[in-house]
Structure formats: structure tokens, C-alpha cells
Amino acid sequence: MSTTYPADATPPGPRTPPDRAPGAARAFWVIAVVLVAAGAIAGLVWAWTAPSPHVAMTMTELGPFPNDEEQAARLVSMDGWYAALGAGTSLVLGTVLATLFLRHGLVTVAGLLVGSVLAAVAAVVVGSLVANGSLIWSWDPHASPGTALSAPLTLHAYGVLVSWPLAALAPVIPLVWLGSGRDGEPSRVIHSQRDRSRTPEAPMR
């Protein structure tokens, strides 16, 4: 049994799933590239703003220890500045990018996740290279007790790396709930439901 449509109406075509919408792959790469570039810039800012990147320490039998409380605070500030820059940058960019590309659904979420993780790594790499002249992931000096040391700029609590993906994904749920970035999709759904409830009119002869 075939359905008859009015003469001036166009039969509804197949609806493209959100994840397979045109430009989904482009959206993924745009999100990832923007976040990685932001991570590199944040790494530069981290190297320039972290108070006293080189901290005065002394080697003991248990490992290197700061010389005093001021040096200990400077050591903690390395991770603190990184976490603050990462959370702030990824929260702002995550909100903007999710608003622009949320219509692509899970592709947008994947782009934010992958891009923010790569941005977290890029920030460490760029910051370490600028501040130390070389990439230092983990500082574990080998020296005799009593030797004076200078701690380079690096991360000491690697848990701060998750500040990037957590902040980047945080705006997704509120934006989905508010219906932002969906190009009027709710109104189309409402009209389609009304159209289904109506009885098709017979074509005029």
C-alpha cells in the first residue's frame, strides 16, 4: 500500500544519523587540532609563569628534598600552574567547540577526548623544552647525600594530566540538556510528530 502525498509536498527522505552527518570527520580533526595547538600555547605560558622553575633542593638518603618551605611551595606550584592552565583552557575551548559541533554527537565527544589528552601531553613537552632546554618527564637524580640540586620544570603529580580531558568534556552534558548547538533540531522533531498525527489529505483531481 503506497502513501499519497499532496501535490506540493515532498516525500520525507532518510534522516542522517548525527554521528554520520556530513563533515563529522572534519569536525573531529578541527576539534583535535585546536586543542593540541592550545596545549602547546599553554605549555609556553606554563614555562613563563610557573614561579621559579628551578627549585633549590638537597639530595638525601631518601631522595631530593627542598631546602625550605619556600622552595617546597615553588615545587608544588609547578603542578598547580599546569593544572590551572589546563583546566581553564580546556573548559573554555571545550564549551566553544562543543557548542559548534555538538550536532555530530559522539564524534564531537571523541574529538574532545582525544584532543584534550594530546593537548595535555603537548603542554608538558613544550613547557619542559622551553624551560629546561630538554624534555624531562620524570626527574630522578642520582647523587650522593648532601649534594645541592636544582629541580627542573616538570610534573611531580601526574594526576594533573586529567585536568585537560575532564574540563574539556564537562560542558557536553549541560549543552546537550539545554539543546545548544543542534541547529533547531527540537523544532523539527515537534513538527514531524504533528505531521504524523494528521491524516494525509487526498490529492485534488
Protein backbone atom coordinates (compact mmCIF):
# COMPACT_ATOMS: atom_id res chain seq x y z
CA MET A 1 0.00 0.00 0.00
CA SER A 2 1.57 3.28 -1.09
CA THR A 3 1.15 6.60 0.73
CA THR A 4 -0.13 9.54 -1.31
CA TYR A 5 1.35 12.97 -0.64
CA PRO A 6 -0.14 16.37 -1.61
CA ALA A 7 0.95 17.72 -4.96
CA ASP A 8 3.04 20.50 -3.39
CA ALA A 9 4.66 18.27 -0.75
CA THR A 10 7.98 16.47 -0.97
CA PRO A 11 8.23 12.92 0.45
CA PRO A 12 10.48 12.88 3.54
CA GLY A 13 13.92 11.50 2.80
CA PRO A 14 16.05 9.26 5.01
CA ARG A 15 17.43 11.05 8.03
CA THR A 16 21.19 11.01 8.51
CA PRO A 17 22.28 9.80 11.98
CA PRO A 18 24.08 12.51 13.98
CA ASP A 19 27.40 10.61 14.06
CA ARG A 20 27.36 10.14 10.27
CA ALA A 21 26.32 13.66 9.37
CA PRO A 22 28.31 15.33 6.60
CA GLY A 23 31.50 16.88 7.96
CA ALA A 24 31.76 14.62 11.01
CA ALA A 25 35.36 13.62 10.22
CA ARG A 26 36.26 17.25 9.58
CA ALA A 27 34.72 18.24 12.91
CA PHE A 28 36.80 15.60 14.72
CA TRP A 29 40.06 16.87 13.26
CA VAL A 30 39.20 20.53 13.79
CA ILE A 31 38.46 19.88 17.47
CA ALA A 32 41.61 17.80 17.97
CA VAL A 33 43.92 20.26 16.18
CA VAL A 34 42.53 23.28 18.04
CA LEU A 35 43.02 21.59 21.41
CA VAL A 36 46.55 20.41 20.62
CA ALA A 37 47.52 23.91 19.47
CA ALA A 38 46.05 25.30 22.68
CA GLY A 39 48.06 22.74 24.65
CA ALA A 40 51.29 23.91 23.02
CA ILE A 41 50.47 27.55 23.83
CA ALA A 42 49.57 26.59 27.41
CA GLY A 43 52.95 24.89 27.68
CA LEU A 44 54.66 28.15 26.75
CA VAL A 45 52.63 30.05 29.32
CA TRP A 46 53.42 27.36 31.92
CA ALA A 47 57.16 27.74 31.29
CA TRP A 48 56.95 31.54 31.58
CA THR A 49 54.60 31.88 34.56
CA ALA A 50 55.42 28.96 36.86
CA PRO A 51 57.26 30.62 39.79
CA SER A 52 60.95 29.77 39.86
CA PRO A 53 61.06 26.76 37.54
CA HIS A 54 64.37 25.68 39.07
CA VAL A 55 63.90 24.84 42.74
CA ALA A 56 66.85 24.58 45.15
CA MET A 57 66.96 21.08 46.65
CA THR A 58 69.37 18.87 48.55
CA MET A 59 69.95 15.18 47.96
CA THR A 60 69.24 12.93 50.96
CA GLU A 61 69.24 9.20 51.51
CA LEU A 62 65.51 9.20 50.69
CA GLY A 63 65.88 11.34 47.59
CA PRO A 64 65.95 15.07 46.76
CA PHE A 65 64.16 17.39 49.22
CA PRO A 66 63.50 21.17 49.03
CA ASN A 67 65.81 23.30 51.14
CA ASP A 68 62.99 25.14 52.91
CA GLU A 69 59.24 25.73 52.88
CA GLU A 70 59.51 28.42 50.23
CA GLN A 71 61.28 26.03 47.87
CA ALA A 72 58.68 23.35 48.65
CA ALA A 73 55.89 25.78 47.73
CA ARG A 74 57.61 26.56 44.45
CA LEU A 75 57.88 22.86 43.72
CA VAL A 76 54.14 22.37 44.29
CA SER A 77 53.36 25.43 42.19
CA MET A 78 54.74 23.66 39.11
CA ASP A 79 51.86 21.18 39.19
CA GLY A 80 49.41 23.83 40.37
CA TRP A 81 50.06 26.18 37.48
CA TYR A 82 49.87 23.32 35.00
CA ALA A 83 46.51 22.15 36.39
CA ALA A 84 45.08 25.68 36.42
CA LEU A 85 46.16 26.41 32.84
CA GLY A 86 44.94 23.04 31.62
CA ALA A 87 41.54 23.22 33.29
CA GLY A 88 40.88 26.82 32.26
CA THR A 89 42.00 26.41 28.65
CA SER A 90 40.18 23.15 28.01
CA LEU A 91 36.99 24.33 29.75
CA VAL A 92 36.73 27.42 27.54
CA LEU A 93 37.63 25.61 24.32
CA GLY A 94 35.50 22.60 25.22
CA THR A 95 32.46 24.85 25.63
CA VAL A 96 33.05 26.66 22.33
CA LEU A 97 33.84 23.54 20.31
CA ALA A 98 31.01 21.50 21.79
CA THR A 99 28.55 24.31 21.01
CA LEU A 100 29.74 24.47 17.40
CA PHE A 101 29.94 20.74 16.68
CA LEU A 102 27.55 19.06 19.11
CA ARG A 103 25.26 18.08 16.22
CA HIS A 104 27.84 15.42 15.30
CA GLY A 105 27.15 13.56 18.55
CA LEU A 106 29.74 11.02 19.64
CA VAL A 107 32.22 12.29 17.05
CA THR A 108 32.39 15.56 18.97
CA VAL A 109 32.87 13.74 22.27
CA ALA A 110 35.64 11.62 20.76
CA GLY A 111 37.33 14.71 19.33
CA LEU A 112 37.24 16.47 22.69
CA LEU A 113 38.62 13.42 24.48
CA VAL A 114 41.44 12.67 22.04
CA GLY A 115 42.31 16.33 21.52
CA SER A 116 42.42 17.15 25.24
CA VAL A 117 44.63 14.14 26.03
CA LEU A 118 47.06 15.13 23.27
CA ALA A 119 46.90 18.74 24.47
CA ALA A 120 47.88 17.66 28.00
CA VAL A 121 50.94 15.89 26.61
CA ALA A 122 51.81 18.79 24.30
CA ALA A 123 51.73 21.23 27.22
CA VAL A 124 54.24 19.15 29.18
CA VAL A 125 56.52 18.68 26.18
CA VAL A 126 56.56 22.34 25.13
CA GLY A 127 56.86 23.65 28.68
CA SER A 128 59.73 21.35 29.53
CA LEU A 129 61.61 22.12 26.31
CA VAL A 130 61.26 25.88 26.77
CA ALA A 131 62.13 25.96 30.49
CA ASN A 132 64.81 23.26 30.61
CA GLY A 133 66.15 23.07 27.08
CA SER A 134 65.30 19.36 27.01
CA LEU A 135 62.31 17.12 27.60
CA ILE A 136 62.17 15.89 31.19
CA TRP A 137 59.25 13.60 32.03
CA SER A 138 60.49 12.36 35.37
CA TRP A 139 63.29 13.89 37.42
CA ASP A 140 65.17 11.21 39.37
CA PRO A 141 68.69 12.48 40.01
CA HIS A 142 71.49 10.19 41.12
CA ALA A 143 73.81 11.98 43.53
CA SER A 144 75.44 11.45 46.90
CA PRO A 145 73.62 12.71 50.03
CA GLY A 146 74.30 16.38 50.75
CA THR A 147 74.65 17.37 47.08
CA ALA A 148 72.93 20.61 46.12
CA LEU A 149 70.47 20.14 43.25
CA SER A 150 68.26 22.33 41.09
CA ALA A 151 64.90 20.83 40.18
CA PRO A 152 63.79 21.45 36.57
CA LEU A 153 60.27 22.32 35.44
CA THR A 154 58.33 19.07 35.21
CA LEU A 155 55.29 17.35 36.66
CA HIS A 156 55.54 15.62 40.02
CA ALA A 157 51.90 14.51 40.34
CA TYR A 158 50.86 13.04 37.01
CA GLY A 159 47.23 13.04 38.06
CA VAL A 160 47.03 16.70 37.00
CA LEU A 161 47.12 15.49 33.39
CA VAL A 162 43.44 14.54 33.67
CA SER A 163 42.54 18.19 34.24
CA TRP A 164 42.54 18.62 30.45
CA PRO A 165 40.05 15.88 29.42
CA LEU A 166 37.81 16.38 32.47
CA ALA A 167 37.43 20.11 31.84
CA ALA A 168 37.02 19.67 28.07
CA LEU A 169 34.19 17.15 28.47
CA ALA A 170 32.48 18.96 31.35
CA PRO A 171 30.35 21.28 29.12
CA VAL A 172 28.97 18.45 26.98
CA ILE A 173 26.20 17.27 29.33
CA PRO A 174 24.87 20.79 30.11
CA LEU A 175 24.87 21.68 26.41
CA VAL A 176 23.01 18.50 25.50
CA TRP A 177 20.49 19.19 28.24
CA LEU A 178 19.98 22.76 27.09
CA GLY A 179 19.76 21.71 23.46
CA SER A 180 22.57 24.01 22.34
CA GLY A 181 24.35 23.57 19.02
CA ARG A 182 21.61 21.41 17.43
CA ASP A 183 20.56 23.83 14.67
CA GLY A 184 16.90 23.84 15.59
CA GLU A 185 16.51 20.07 15.81
CA PRO A 186 13.86 20.18 18.58
CA SER A 187 11.52 22.23 16.40
CA ARG A 188 11.88 19.75 13.54
CA VAL A 189 11.01 16.89 15.85
CA ILE A 190 7.89 18.69 17.07
CA HIS A 191 6.71 19.40 13.54
CA SER A 192 7.34 15.82 12.45
CA GLN A 193 5.26 14.47 15.31
CA ARG A 194 2.39 16.79 14.42
CA ASP A 195 2.59 15.79 10.80
CA ARG A 196 2.33 12.10 11.72
CA SER A 197 -0.80 12.73 13.76
CA ARG A 198 -2.59 14.29 10.83
CA THR A 199 -4.46 12.23 8.30
CA PRO A 200 -2.99 12.62 4.80
CA GLU A 201 -5.24 14.63 2.60
CA ALA A 202 -6.36 13.11 -0.64
CA PRO A 203 -4.83 14.72 -3.75
CA MET A 204 -7.08 17.08 -5.67
CA ARG A 205 -8.20 15.78 -9.02
